[in-house]
Amino acid sequence: MINIFITMPFACQAIVVIDTLKDHAQLGRFFNAKFKCLTSPNQEIRRQVTLRGHTFIEKIDFSDAHTIEYHIEGQGPVKNHQARIWATPLTTGCQLHYLIQCQALNWQPSWLVKLIIKHDISRALAKLRAYCDGC
C-alpha cells in the first residue's frame, strides 16, 4: 500500500481553497492533467482525467466546505486509488491536507509511483497556493 500525505499552509480561507478545487473543469490550471466533467443521471460528480497518457474516471464520494473525498473508478494508472483533501482553518489562513492511498500495478515499483505522485501533487498544490493566496 502506498500512503502519501502532503500538507501546505495557505494565506487564504479554507473555503476559497476547497471551492477552487471543486471547480473541476478548471483543475488543469494546477494539475498536469486534463479534466472533463461527466454528466450523471443521479447527480454524482464524476470527472474524466487524462494524465501521463492514461485516461480514467474519478468519482467524488463526499464534499463540503472543508473536505473533498474521491476515488478512481475502474482501471487507473494505479490500483485502489482513493484520496481525501481537507482544509483546517487557522487564524492566518488555513492548512491544506492531501492524503492519497493506492497500490502500484504489479509491474510498477511502489517507491517510484510514490515519488511521481508526491512530486505531481506537491507542484499542483504550490500552483494552487499561488492562485488562491493571490485572490
C-alpha atoms as a PDB file:
ATOM      1  CA  MET A   1       0.000   0.000   0.000  1.00  0.00           C
ATOM      2  CA  ILE A   2       1.238   3.461  -0.895  1.00  0.00           C
ATOM      3  CA  ASN A   3       0.376   6.275   1.517  1.00  0.00           C
ATOM      4  CA  ILE A   4       1.138   9.871   0.620  1.00  0.00           C
ATOM      5  CA  PHE A   5       0.388  12.748   2.959  1.00  0.00           C
ATOM      6  CA  ILE A   6       1.151  16.313   1.976  1.00  0.00           C
ATOM      7  CA  THR A   7       0.264  19.396   3.957  1.00  0.00           C
ATOM      8  CA  MET A   8       0.687  23.027   2.956  1.00  0.00           C
ATOM      9  CA  PRO A   9      -0.210  26.372   4.566  1.00  0.00           C
ATOM     10  CA  PHE A  10      -2.350  28.882   2.661  1.00  0.00           C
ATOM     11  CA  ALA A  11      -2.857  32.562   3.497  1.00  0.00           C
ATOM     12  CA  CYS A  12      -6.500  32.480   2.352  1.00  0.00           C
ATOM     13  CA  GLN A  13      -9.600  30.987   3.940  1.00  0.00           C
ATOM     14  CA  ALA A  14     -10.231  27.248   3.700  1.00  0.00           C
ATOM     15  CA  ILE A  15     -13.438  27.723   1.714  1.00  0.00           C
ATOM     16  CA  VAL A  16     -11.509  29.553  -1.034  1.00  0.00           C
ATOM     17  CA  VAL A  17      -9.138  26.611  -1.460  1.00  0.00           C
ATOM     18  CA  ILE A  18     -11.831  23.933  -1.378  1.00  0.00           C
ATOM     19  CA  ASP A  19     -14.136  25.880  -3.717  1.00  0.00           C
ATOM     20  CA  THR A  20     -11.252  26.275  -6.178  1.00  0.00           C
ATOM     21  CA  LEU A  21     -10.668  22.510  -6.063  1.00  0.00           C
ATOM     22  CA  LYS A  22     -14.389  21.936  -6.683  1.00  0.00           C
ATOM     23  CA  ASP A  23     -14.143  23.853  -9.963  1.00  0.00           C
ATOM     24  CA  HIS A  24     -13.437  20.536 -11.688  1.00  0.00           C
ATOM     25  CA  ALA A  25     -13.292  21.857 -15.252  1.00  0.00           C
ATOM     26  CA  GLN A  26     -10.517  24.283 -14.259  1.00  0.00           C
ATOM     27  CA  LEU A  27      -8.270  21.888 -12.324  1.00  0.00           C
ATOM     28  CA  GLY A  28      -5.861  21.716 -15.250  1.00  0.00           C
ATOM     29  CA  ARG A  29      -4.588  25.143 -14.117  1.00  0.00           C
ATOM     30  CA  PHE A  30      -2.878  23.396 -11.211  1.00  0.00           C
ATOM     31  CA  PHE A  31      -2.536  19.719 -12.037  1.00  0.00           C
ATOM     32  CA  ASN A  32      -0.562  18.449 -15.015  1.00  0.00           C
ATOM     33  CA  ALA A  33      -3.696  16.779 -16.386  1.00  0.00           C
ATOM     34  CA  LYS A  34      -6.831  17.439 -18.400  1.00  0.00           C
ATOM     35  CA  PHE A  35     -10.193  17.258 -16.654  1.00  0.00           C
ATOM     36  CA  LYS A  36     -13.618  16.837 -18.192  1.00  0.00           C
ATOM     37  CA  CYS A  37     -16.809  16.887 -16.130  1.00  0.00           C
ATOM     38  CA  LEU A  38     -19.106  13.957 -16.850  1.00  0.00           C
ATOM     39  CA  THR A  39     -22.865  14.081 -16.605  1.00  0.00           C
ATOM     40  CA  SER A  40     -24.557  11.643 -14.300  1.00  0.00           C
ATOM     41  CA  PRO A  41     -28.284  10.868 -14.122  1.00  0.00           C
ATOM     42  CA  ASN A  42     -28.149  10.504 -10.327  1.00  0.00           C
ATOM     43  CA  GLN A  43     -26.256  13.780  -9.663  1.00  0.00           C
ATOM     44  CA  GLU A  44     -22.947  12.088  -8.845  1.00  0.00           C
ATOM     45  CA  ILE A  45     -19.897  14.206  -9.542  1.00  0.00           C
ATOM     46  CA  ARG A  46     -17.544  12.382 -11.865  1.00  0.00           C
ATOM     47  CA  ARG A  47     -14.683  13.655 -13.968  1.00  0.00           C
ATOM     48  CA  GLN A  48     -12.608  12.151 -16.723  1.00  0.00           C
ATOM     49  CA  VAL A  49      -8.908  12.705 -16.143  1.00  0.00           C
ATOM     50  CA  THR A  50      -6.145  12.360 -18.715  1.00  0.00           C
ATOM     51  CA  LEU A  51      -2.718  12.222 -17.109  1.00  0.00           C
ATOM     52  CA  ARG A  52       0.584  10.945 -18.480  1.00  0.00           C
ATOM     53  CA  GLY A  53      -1.178   9.118 -21.332  1.00  0.00           C
ATOM     54  CA  HIS A  54      -3.750   7.457 -19.051  1.00  0.00           C
ATOM     55  CA  THR A  55      -7.441   8.307 -19.080  1.00  0.00           C
ATOM     56  CA  PHE A  56      -9.540   7.337 -16.082  1.00  0.00           C
ATOM     57  CA  ILE A  57     -12.621   8.384 -14.109  1.00  0.00           C
ATOM     58  CA  GLU A  58     -12.575   9.982 -10.676  1.00  0.00           C
ATOM     59  CA  LYS A  59     -15.766   9.964  -8.626  1.00  0.00           C
ATOM     60  CA  ILE A  60     -16.333  12.471  -5.844  1.00  0.00           C
ATOM     61  CA  ASP A  61     -17.602  10.500  -2.860  1.00  0.00           C
ATOM     62  CA  PHE A  62     -18.070  13.418  -0.474  1.00  0.00           C
ATOM     63  CA  SER A  63     -17.556  17.155  -0.399  1.00  0.00           C
ATOM     64  CA  ASP A  64     -18.452  20.018   1.891  1.00  0.00           C
ATOM     65  CA  ALA A  65     -16.990  23.448   2.704  1.00  0.00           C
ATOM     66  CA  HIS A  66     -13.741  21.957   4.057  1.00  0.00           C
ATOM     67  CA  THR A  67     -13.390  18.482   2.526  1.00  0.00           C
ATOM     68  CA  ILE A  68     -13.277  16.578  -0.762  1.00  0.00           C
ATOM     69  CA  GLU A  69     -13.037  12.790  -0.942  1.00  0.00           C
ATOM     70  CA  TYR A  70     -12.727  10.881  -4.214  1.00  0.00           C
ATOM     71  CA  HIS A  71     -11.614   7.600  -5.741  1.00  0.00           C
ATOM     72  CA  ILE A  72     -10.705   6.272  -9.178  1.00  0.00           C
ATOM     73  CA  GLU A  73     -13.404   4.110 -10.727  1.00  0.00           C
ATOM     74  CA  GLY A  74     -12.334   1.039 -12.673  1.00  0.00           C
ATOM     75  CA  GLN A  75      -8.936   0.881 -14.342  1.00  0.00           C
ATOM     76  CA  GLY A  76      -6.471   3.615 -13.489  1.00  0.00           C
ATOM     77  CA  PRO A  77      -2.753   4.185 -13.569  1.00  0.00           C
ATOM     78  CA  VAL A  78      -2.677   2.647 -10.056  1.00  0.00           C
ATOM     79  CA  LYS A  79      -4.981   0.293  -8.140  1.00  0.00           C
ATOM     80  CA  ASN A  80      -7.414   1.158  -5.342  1.00  0.00           C
ATOM     81  CA  HIS A  81      -6.716   4.898  -5.502  1.00  0.00           C
ATOM     82  CA  GLN A  82      -8.620   6.981  -3.004  1.00  0.00           C
ATOM     83  CA  ALA A  83      -7.920  10.428  -1.653  1.00  0.00           C
ATOM     84  CA  ARG A  84      -9.076  12.900   0.945  1.00  0.00           C
ATOM     85  CA  ILE A  85      -8.364  16.624   0.790  1.00  0.00           C
ATOM     86  CA  TRP A  86      -9.303  18.837   3.706  1.00  0.00           C
ATOM     87  CA  ALA A  87      -8.521  22.318   4.919  1.00  0.00           C
ATOM     88  CA  THR A  88      -8.164  23.276   8.553  1.00  0.00           C
ATOM     89  CA  PRO A  89      -8.919  26.941   9.288  1.00  0.00           C
ATOM     90  CA  LEU A  90      -6.161  28.913  11.010  1.00  0.00           C
ATOM     91  CA  THR A  91      -6.077  32.476  12.291  1.00  0.00           C
ATOM     92  CA  THR A  92      -3.839  33.428   9.359  1.00  0.00           C
ATOM     93  CA  GLY A  93      -5.497  31.351   6.628  1.00  0.00           C
ATOM     94  CA  CYS A  94      -5.683  27.568   6.514  1.00  0.00           C
ATOM     95  CA  GLN A  95      -3.659  24.382   6.381  1.00  0.00           C
ATOM     96  CA  LEU A  96      -4.442  22.111   3.422  1.00  0.00           C
ATOM     97  CA  HIS A  97      -4.011  18.364   3.864  1.00  0.00           C
ATOM     98  CA  TYR A  98      -3.949  15.864   0.986  1.00  0.00           C
ATOM     99  CA  LEU A  99      -3.950  12.146   1.749  1.00  0.00           C
ATOM    100  CA  ILE A 100      -3.671   9.591  -1.051  1.00  0.00           C
ATOM    101  CA  GLN A 101      -3.793   5.832  -0.649  1.00  0.00           C
ATOM    102  CA  CYS A 102      -3.254   3.471  -3.566  1.00  0.00           C
ATOM    103  CA  GLN A 103      -1.379   0.421  -4.769  1.00  0.00           C
ATOM    104  CA  ALA A 104       1.084   0.196  -7.615  1.00  0.00           C
ATOM    105  CA  LEU A 105       0.269  -2.065 -10.526  1.00  0.00           C
ATOM    106  CA  ASN A 106       2.161  -5.376 -10.429  1.00  0.00           C
ATOM    107  CA  TRP A 107       4.903  -4.193 -12.775  1.00  0.00           C
ATOM    108  CA  GLN A 108       5.386  -0.775 -11.114  1.00  0.00           C
ATOM    109  CA  PRO A 109       7.913  -0.197  -8.326  1.00  0.00           C
ATOM    110  CA  SER A 110       5.945   1.246  -5.390  1.00  0.00           C
ATOM    111  CA  TRP A 111       8.725   3.652  -4.436  1.00  0.00           C
ATOM    112  CA  LEU A 112       8.704   5.145  -7.954  1.00  0.00           C
ATOM    113  CA  VAL A 113       4.905   5.506  -8.056  1.00  0.00           C
ATOM    114  CA  LYS A 114       5.010   7.240  -4.673  1.00  0.00           C
ATOM    115  CA  LEU A 115       7.782   9.580  -5.819  1.00  0.00           C
ATOM    116  CA  ILE A 116       5.934  10.557  -9.016  1.00  0.00           C
ATOM    117  CA  ILE A 117       2.589  11.134  -7.290  1.00  0.00           C
ATOM    118  CA  LYS A 118       4.149  13.119  -4.459  1.00  0.00           C
ATOM    119  CA  HIS A 119       6.075  15.283  -6.922  1.00  0.00           C
ATOM    120  CA  ASP A 120       2.985  15.949  -9.072  1.00  0.00           C
ATOM    121  CA  ILE A 121       0.731  16.775  -6.113  1.00  0.00           C
ATOM    122  CA  SER A 122       3.341  18.999  -4.453  1.00  0.00           C
ATOM    123  CA  ARG A 123       3.746  21.027  -7.666  1.00  0.00           C
ATOM    124  CA  ALA A 124      -0.025  21.276  -8.099  1.00  0.00           C
ATOM    125  CA  LEU A 125      -0.530  22.468  -4.530  1.00  0.00           C
ATOM    126  CA  ALA A 126       2.182  25.098  -4.930  1.00  0.00           C
ATOM    127  CA  LYS A 127       0.347  26.428  -8.017  1.00  0.00           C
ATOM    128  CA  LEU A 128      -2.947  26.265  -6.155  1.00  0.00           C
ATOM    129  CA  ARG A 129      -1.486  28.208  -3.225  1.00  0.00           C
ATOM    130  CA  ALA A 130      -0.094  30.910  -5.524  1.00  0.00           C
ATOM    131  CA  TYR A 131      -3.519  31.236  -7.177  1.00  0.00           C
ATOM    132  CA  CYS A 132      -5.635  31.197  -4.001  1.00  0.00           C
ATOM    133  CA  ASP A 133      -3.369  33.426  -1.961  1.00  0.00           C
ATOM    134  CA  GLY A 134      -3.458  35.965  -4.806  1.00  0.00           C
ATOM    135  CA  CYS A 135      -7.261  36.278  -4.593  1.00  0.00           C
END
